Protein backbone atom coordinates (compact mmCIF):
# COMPACT_ATOMS: atom_id res chain seq x y z
CA MET A 1 145.73 20.27 -23.73
CA ARG A 2 146.25 19.36 -20.09
CA VAL A 3 143.68 17.00 -18.61
CA ALA A 4 143.13 15.15 -15.34
CA VAL A 5 141.62 11.66 -15.04
CA THR A 6 140.24 10.15 -11.85
CA GLY A 7 140.21 6.36 -11.79
CA ALA A 8 143.20 6.55 -14.12
CA SER A 9 144.54 3.06 -13.40
CA GLY A 10 141.14 1.43 -13.78
CA PHE A 11 139.99 -0.62 -16.73
CA ILE A 12 138.40 2.34 -18.53
CA GLY A 13 140.83 4.88 -17.10
CA THR A 14 143.86 3.04 -18.46
CA ALA A 15 142.41 3.02 -21.97
CA LEU A 16 141.44 6.70 -21.76
CA VAL A 17 144.85 7.81 -20.47
CA GLN A 18 146.62 5.94 -23.26
CA ALA A 19 144.35 7.46 -25.93
CA LEU A 20 144.73 11.00 -24.56
CA ALA A 21 148.51 10.68 -24.41
CA GLU A 22 148.64 9.30 -27.97
CA ARG A 23 146.86 12.37 -29.30
CA GLY A 24 149.32 14.64 -27.50
CA ASP A 25 147.45 15.65 -24.33
CA GLU A 26 149.34 16.14 -21.08
CA VAL A 27 147.65 13.83 -18.58
CA VAL A 28 147.69 13.79 -14.80
CA GLY A 29 146.14 10.63 -13.43
CA THR A 30 144.86 9.85 -9.97
CA ASP A 31 143.58 6.61 -8.45
CA ARG A 32 143.64 4.82 -5.10
CA TYR A 33 145.55 1.97 -6.79
CA ALA A 34 148.77 2.24 -8.75
CA PRO A 35 148.76 0.85 -12.31
CA ALA A 36 150.28 -2.59 -12.85
CA THR A 37 152.41 -1.14 -15.65
CA PRO A 38 153.48 2.51 -16.11
CA LEU A 39 150.98 4.85 -17.75
CA PRO A 40 151.95 7.66 -20.17
CA VAL A 41 151.14 10.43 -17.70
CA ARG A 42 152.95 13.61 -16.67
CA ALA A 43 152.22 12.68 -13.07
CA PHE A 44 150.29 10.02 -11.18
CA VAL A 45 148.74 10.85 -7.81
CA THR A 46 147.92 7.81 -5.68
CA ALA A 47 144.95 8.81 -3.56
CA ASP A 48 141.27 8.07 -3.12
CA LEU A 49 138.39 10.50 -3.62
CA GLY A 50 138.38 11.44 0.04
CA ASP A 51 141.77 13.15 -0.24
CA GLY A 52 140.91 16.69 -1.27
CA HIS A 53 144.49 17.94 -1.15
CA ALA A 54 145.64 15.21 -3.55
CA LEU A 55 142.75 15.88 -5.93
CA ALA A 56 143.53 19.60 -5.91
CA ARG A 57 147.12 18.85 -6.92
CA ALA A 58 145.94 16.54 -9.70
CA PHE A 59 143.49 19.12 -11.09
CA GLU A 60 145.88 22.08 -11.01
CA GLY A 61 146.07 23.59 -14.50
CA ALA A 62 143.74 21.03 -16.08
CA GLU A 63 141.38 22.21 -18.81
CA VAL A 64 139.20 19.10 -18.63
CA VAL A 65 138.61 16.66 -15.77
CA PHE A 66 137.38 13.17 -16.66
CA HIS A 67 135.74 11.75 -13.55
CA LEU A 68 135.80 7.96 -13.89
CA ALA A 69 136.61 6.84 -10.34
CA ALA A 70 133.84 4.98 -8.52
CA LEU A 71 133.26 2.03 -6.24
CA PRO A 72 131.71 -0.65 -8.51
CA ALA A 73 128.63 -2.72 -7.79
CA ILE A 74 130.61 -5.93 -7.38
CA ALA A 75 132.56 -4.40 -4.48
CA ARG A 76 129.52 -5.45 -2.41
CA ALA A 77 130.07 -2.54 -0.02
CA PRO A 78 127.63 -1.05 2.51
CA ASP A 79 125.36 1.80 1.41
CA ALA A 80 127.38 4.32 3.41
CA THR A 81 130.58 3.34 1.63
CA TYR A 82 128.98 3.79 -1.78
CA ALA A 83 127.67 7.18 -0.71
CA ALA A 84 131.06 8.28 0.61
CA THR A 85 132.90 7.28 -2.57
CA ASN A 86 130.45 7.76 -5.41
CA VAL A 87 128.40 10.68 -4.09
CA GLU A 88 130.62 12.63 -1.71
CA GLY A 89 133.62 11.85 -3.91
CA THR A 90 131.85 13.24 -6.97
CA GLU A 91 130.86 16.39 -5.06
CA ARG A 92 134.51 16.87 -4.10
CA VAL A 93 135.71 16.34 -7.67
CA LEU A 94 133.22 18.89 -9.03
CA ARG A 95 134.06 21.48 -6.40
CA LEU A 96 137.81 21.14 -6.75
CA ALA A 97 137.76 20.98 -10.55
CA ARG A 98 135.76 24.21 -10.65
CA ARG A 99 138.06 25.84 -8.11
CA ALA A 100 141.11 24.77 -10.17
CA GLY A 101 139.68 26.51 -13.23
CA ALA A 102 138.92 23.41 -15.32
CA ARG A 103 136.52 24.50 -18.04
CA LYS A 104 134.70 21.15 -18.18
CA VAL A 105 134.03 17.96 -16.24
CA VAL A 106 133.00 14.75 -18.01
CA HIS A 107 131.33 12.41 -15.54
CA LEU A 108 131.08 8.68 -16.21
CA SER A 109 127.82 7.29 -14.84
CA SER A 110 126.13 3.92 -15.34
CA SER A 111 123.16 2.47 -17.22
CA THR A 112 122.14 0.75 -13.95
CA VAL A 113 120.41 3.98 -12.94
CA TYR A 114 117.56 2.96 -15.29
CA GLY A 115 116.79 -0.11 -13.18
CA ARG A 116 114.87 -2.90 -14.95
CA PRO A 117 114.08 -1.70 -18.47
CA GLU A 118 110.48 -2.00 -19.67
CA ILE A 119 110.85 -0.68 -23.22
CA PRO A 120 112.93 -1.94 -26.18
CA SER A 121 115.23 1.09 -26.46
CA ILE A 122 115.92 3.38 -23.51
CA PRO A 123 116.37 7.14 -24.11
CA GLU A 124 118.17 9.45 -21.70
CA ASP A 125 114.89 10.92 -20.40
CA HIS A 126 113.56 7.50 -19.37
CA PRO A 127 112.56 7.57 -15.67
CA LEU A 128 115.32 6.39 -13.36
CA SER A 129 114.71 3.47 -11.04
CA PRO A 130 117.95 2.69 -9.18
CA ALA A 131 117.24 -0.24 -6.89
CA CYS A 132 120.56 -1.01 -5.19
CA ALA A 133 123.24 0.85 -3.24
CA TYR A 134 125.56 1.21 -6.23
CA SER A 135 122.95 2.43 -8.70
CA ARG A 136 121.42 4.78 -6.14
CA SER A 137 124.83 6.31 -5.53
CA LYS A 138 125.40 6.79 -9.26
CA ALA A 139 122.00 8.46 -9.67
CA ALA A 140 122.77 10.76 -6.74
CA ALA A 141 126.14 11.64 -8.29
CA GLU A 142 124.37 12.56 -11.52
CA GLU A 143 122.11 14.91 -9.56
CA LEU A 144 125.17 16.71 -8.22
CA CYS A 145 126.51 17.09 -11.76
CA LEU A 146 123.21 18.48 -13.02
CA ARG A 147 123.06 20.99 -10.17
CA GLN A 148 126.52 22.24 -11.08
CA ALA A 149 125.39 22.59 -14.69
CA ASP A 150 122.33 24.54 -13.56
CA ASP A 151 124.73 26.79 -11.67
CA GLY A 152 126.60 27.58 -14.88
CA TYR A 153 129.40 25.00 -14.80
CA ASP A 154 130.10 22.87 -17.88
CA VAL A 155 129.44 19.29 -16.79
CA SER A 156 128.29 16.48 -19.10
CA ILE A 157 127.40 12.88 -18.25
CA ILE A 158 127.87 9.57 -20.09
CA ARG A 159 125.81 6.46 -19.34
CA PRO A 160 127.41 3.45 -21.07
CA ARG A 161 126.10 -0.08 -21.31
CA VAL A 162 128.30 -2.95 -20.10
CA VAL A 163 131.88 -1.96 -20.94
CA VAL A 164 134.18 -4.71 -22.19
CA GLY A 165 137.69 -5.04 -23.58
CA ALA A 166 141.25 -6.07 -22.78
CA GLY A 167 141.81 -6.13 -19.02
CA ARG A 168 138.15 -6.54 -18.06
CA ALA A 169 137.80 -9.00 -15.20
CA GLY A 170 134.96 -9.47 -12.73
CA ILE A 171 132.23 -11.87 -13.79
CA PHE A 172 133.78 -12.09 -17.25
CA ALA A 173 136.81 -13.88 -15.78
CA THR A 174 134.42 -16.48 -14.32
CA PHE A 175 132.70 -16.83 -17.68
CA PHE A 176 136.01 -17.13 -19.54
CA ALA A 177 137.21 -19.88 -17.19
CA MET A 178 134.01 -21.79 -17.98
CA MET A 179 134.67 -21.30 -21.70
CA GLU A 180 138.23 -22.56 -21.32
CA LEU A 181 136.89 -25.70 -19.68
CA GLY A 182 134.21 -26.12 -22.36
CA LEU A 183 131.44 -25.99 -19.76
CA PRO A 184 127.84 -25.24 -20.68
CA LEU A 185 126.64 -21.72 -19.87
CA PRO A 186 123.25 -21.57 -18.12
CA LEU A 187 121.49 -18.48 -19.44
CA PRO A 188 118.11 -17.06 -18.37
CA ALA A 189 115.56 -17.39 -21.17
CA GLY A 190 118.28 -18.95 -23.27
CA GLY A 191 119.61 -15.52 -24.18
CA ASP A 192 116.82 -14.97 -26.72
CA PHE A 193 116.85 -11.21 -26.20
CA ARG A 194 119.11 -8.33 -27.17
CA PHE A 195 121.80 -7.35 -24.66
CA GLN A 196 124.08 -4.40 -25.30
CA PHE A 197 127.82 -4.08 -24.69
CA THR A 198 130.22 -1.19 -25.22
CA ALA A 199 133.79 -1.81 -26.41
CA VAL A 200 136.13 0.20 -24.21
CA ASP A 201 137.80 1.88 -27.19
CA ASP A 202 134.38 3.10 -28.35
CA LEU A 203 133.70 4.48 -24.88
CA VAL A 204 137.04 6.27 -24.91
CA ARG A 205 136.14 7.95 -28.20
CA ALA A 206 132.80 8.96 -26.69
CA LEU A 207 134.52 10.47 -23.64
CA GLU A 208 136.81 12.48 -25.91
CA ARG A 209 133.88 13.62 -28.03
CA VAL A 210 131.87 14.71 -24.99
CA ALA A 211 134.85 16.73 -23.77
CA GLU A 212 134.92 18.51 -27.13
CA ARG A 213 131.22 18.86 -27.97
CA GLY A 214 129.09 17.76 -25.04
CA ARG A 215 126.51 20.28 -23.89
CA PRO A 216 126.45 21.43 -20.24
CA GLY A 217 123.98 19.41 -18.20
CA ARG A 218 123.51 16.92 -21.02
CA ILE A 219 123.39 13.13 -20.56
CA TYR A 220 124.54 10.81 -23.35
CA ASN A 221 123.82 7.09 -23.70
CA VAL A 222 126.66 5.10 -25.25
CA GLY A 223 126.59 1.52 -26.53
CA SER A 224 127.19 -0.70 -29.54
CA ALA A 225 124.62 -1.37 -32.22
CA VAL A 226 122.81 -4.61 -31.31
CA GLU A 227 121.87 -6.64 -34.35
CA ARG A 228 121.52 -10.13 -32.84
CA THR A 229 120.26 -11.82 -29.70
CA LEU A 230 122.63 -12.51 -26.82
CA ARG A 231 122.48 -16.22 -27.66
CA GLU A 232 123.64 -15.49 -31.22
CA ASP A 233 126.38 -13.15 -30.00
CA LEU A 234 127.67 -15.80 -27.58
CA ALA A 235 127.64 -18.44 -30.30
CA GLU A 236 129.88 -16.13 -32.31
CA LEU A 237 132.16 -15.66 -29.28
CA PHE A 238 132.44 -19.44 -28.74
CA ARG A 239 133.27 -19.91 -32.42
CA ARG A 240 135.95 -17.23 -32.46
CA ALA A 241 137.42 -18.50 -29.18
CA GLY A 242 137.43 -22.13 -30.29
CA SER A 243 135.42 -23.06 -27.18
CA ARG A 244 133.19 -26.13 -26.85
CA SER A 245 130.85 -24.24 -24.52
CA PHE A 246 127.20 -23.78 -25.41
CA VAL A 247 124.15 -22.04 -23.98
CA VAL A 248 121.72 -23.98 -21.77
CA PRO A 249 118.34 -22.21 -21.43
CA VAL A 250 117.10 -21.69 -17.85
CA PRO A 251 113.66 -20.27 -16.96
CA ALA A 252 114.12 -16.58 -16.27
CA GLY A 253 112.21 -16.54 -12.98
CA ALA A 254 114.06 -19.56 -11.61
CA ALA A 255 117.44 -18.10 -12.58
CA THR A 256 116.69 -14.77 -10.90
CA ALA A 257 115.47 -16.51 -7.74
CA ALA A 258 118.56 -18.73 -7.64
CA PHE A 259 120.97 -15.82 -8.06
CA ALA A 260 119.09 -13.82 -5.42
CA LEU A 261 119.35 -16.71 -2.95
CA LEU A 262 123.07 -17.14 -3.61
CA HIS A 263 123.53 -13.40 -3.12
CA ARG A 264 121.73 -13.47 0.24
CA LEU A 265 123.93 -16.39 1.30
CA GLY A 266 127.01 -14.38 0.38
CA VAL A 267 128.25 -16.81 -2.27
CA GLY A 268 126.64 -15.54 -5.48
CA PRO A 269 128.77 -14.58 -8.49
CA LEU A 270 126.32 -11.83 -9.51
CA VAL A 271 125.11 -8.76 -7.63
CA PRO A 272 121.52 -7.48 -7.89
CA GLU A 273 122.36 -4.93 -10.60
CA GLN A 274 123.47 -7.87 -12.72
CA TYR A 275 121.00 -10.70 -12.05
CA ARG A 276 117.91 -8.49 -12.06
CA VAL A 277 118.47 -7.61 -15.72
CA ALA A 278 120.11 -10.88 -16.82
CA SER A 279 116.98 -12.08 -18.60
CA ARG A 280 115.74 -8.77 -19.98
CA GLN A 281 116.42 -6.89 -23.17
CA PHE A 282 118.60 -3.94 -22.20
CA VAL A 283 119.52 -1.64 -25.07
CA LEU A 284 120.14 2.09 -24.86
CA ASP A 285 118.90 4.58 -27.43
CA THR A 286 122.10 6.29 -28.59
CA SER A 287 120.54 8.71 -31.09
CA ARG A 288 121.38 11.77 -28.98
CA ALA A 289 125.11 10.97 -29.10
CA ARG A 290 124.81 10.53 -32.86
CA ALA A 291 122.99 13.82 -33.35
CA GLU A 292 124.88 16.07 -30.92
CA LEU A 293 128.34 14.49 -30.79
CA ASP A 294 128.51 12.91 -34.24
CA PHE A 295 129.40 9.73 -32.36
CA VAL A 296 128.53 6.19 -33.41
CA ALA A 297 130.14 3.09 -31.90
CA GLU A 298 132.47 1.48 -34.45
CA ARG A 299 132.87 -1.96 -32.86
CA ALA A 300 130.32 -4.75 -33.19
CA ASN A 301 128.43 -5.69 -30.05
CA ILE A 302 130.50 -8.82 -29.31
CA ASP A 303 133.92 -7.43 -30.34
CA GLY A 304 134.82 -6.04 -26.92
CA VAL A 305 133.98 -9.37 -25.28
CA VAL A 306 136.28 -11.13 -27.75
CA ASP A 307 139.03 -8.62 -26.88
CA ALA A 308 138.52 -9.38 -23.18
CA TRP A 309 138.67 -13.13 -23.83
CA ARG A 310 141.89 -12.88 -25.79
CA TRP A 311 143.50 -10.72 -23.08
CA TRP A 312 142.41 -13.17 -20.39
CA ARG A 313 143.83 -16.16 -22.31
CA GLU A 314 147.15 -14.40 -22.80
CA HIS A 315 147.57 -13.18 -19.23
CA ARG A 316 146.08 -15.81 -16.97
CA ASP A 317 148.73 -17.70 -15.02
CA GLU A 318 146.67 -20.45 -13.43
CA ALA A 319 144.60 -23.45 -14.48
CA ALA A 320 141.07 -22.71 -15.60
CA TRP A 321 139.54 -24.56 -12.63
CA ARG A 322 141.56 -22.48 -10.16
CA SER A 323 140.66 -19.35 -12.10
CA LEU A 324 136.97 -20.28 -11.95
CA VAL A 325 137.13 -20.70 -8.17
CA ARG A 326 139.17 -17.53 -7.71
CA TRP A 327 136.77 -15.38 -9.73
CA TRP A 328 133.50 -17.07 -8.72
CA ARG A 329 132.59 -14.14 -6.47
CA PRO A 330 134.53 -11.22 -7.95
CA ARG A 331 135.01 -7.94 -6.10
CA HIS A 332 136.58 -5.84 -8.84
CA GLN A 333 136.28 -5.70 -12.60
CA ASN A 334 139.75 -4.55 -13.53
CA ALA A 335 142.92 -6.62 -13.95
CA LEU A 336 145.25 -3.68 -14.71
CA GLN A 337 146.06 -2.45 -11.20
CA ARG A 338 148.44 -3.36 -8.39
CA ARG A 339 146.28 -4.22 -5.41
CA SER A 340 147.26 -4.95 -1.84
CA GLY A 341 144.00 -6.67 -1.11
């Protein structure tokens, strides 16, 4: 079938476009940044979500629109910028997709809309508590999707946990540079809690499954099965990477306060959505996806992080120390685009 993908040159978008093309779909991609290497698309429209004419061209004839484009938390943008991109942009995508005759929109949201989790396993009907500009904008975008579904349009939503895999940058590039140098990794509470990841290829399969079987107005959590603590997962990563790094426990309250201070000073590597949950168990209940989509993540919880590490080692072109400095305060989480700034 013919599909359109917003955010097509992004970390997740690149993986989705490649998977859709491999199964024979005709893909039109759109993104504000061009891909670093050519994508297997019928056409690529370089535009941001504010360009309605460009989006209309991209959606023409599409049966399904995958809406992945968003301004990420680590962009550290003002509230108004998040609202313009993630909320107004989503409204424009929904309106133009419906006008173009697309039968379904699959919207990629974020687990940050839950805020700080208080229970061991979070279901989709857990109260939302978005506390920062990014998570508030993602929650507001979800509301727009649900209103469209109430109005009879087929829109489904995915909330994934931290997505990892080849090409993932952001704070992971900082972490990988520390691993390359064999530095100790300070970790709140020593990582003695479960922390969920999602391998990007699992997320791609979930996106495809939602396009095929997702119910209108339905929200689906997606994430790997978590069988060990974060400390145990990282020990496995260090072993597989051949790194001398190790975890150094730091009191959770002190770590959160330190990251918050660094953030206020404008030099912190983590944004509030990250450091506020860095010492808490954060695992999504994925039973709805299993029951309604027949979807279960195939990759182990740490596998996507290992994929990201291997990609980083193969593609980095600078010394680890320079890489650590360069990525100390990251502003994007994708290394697969051509960027002018």
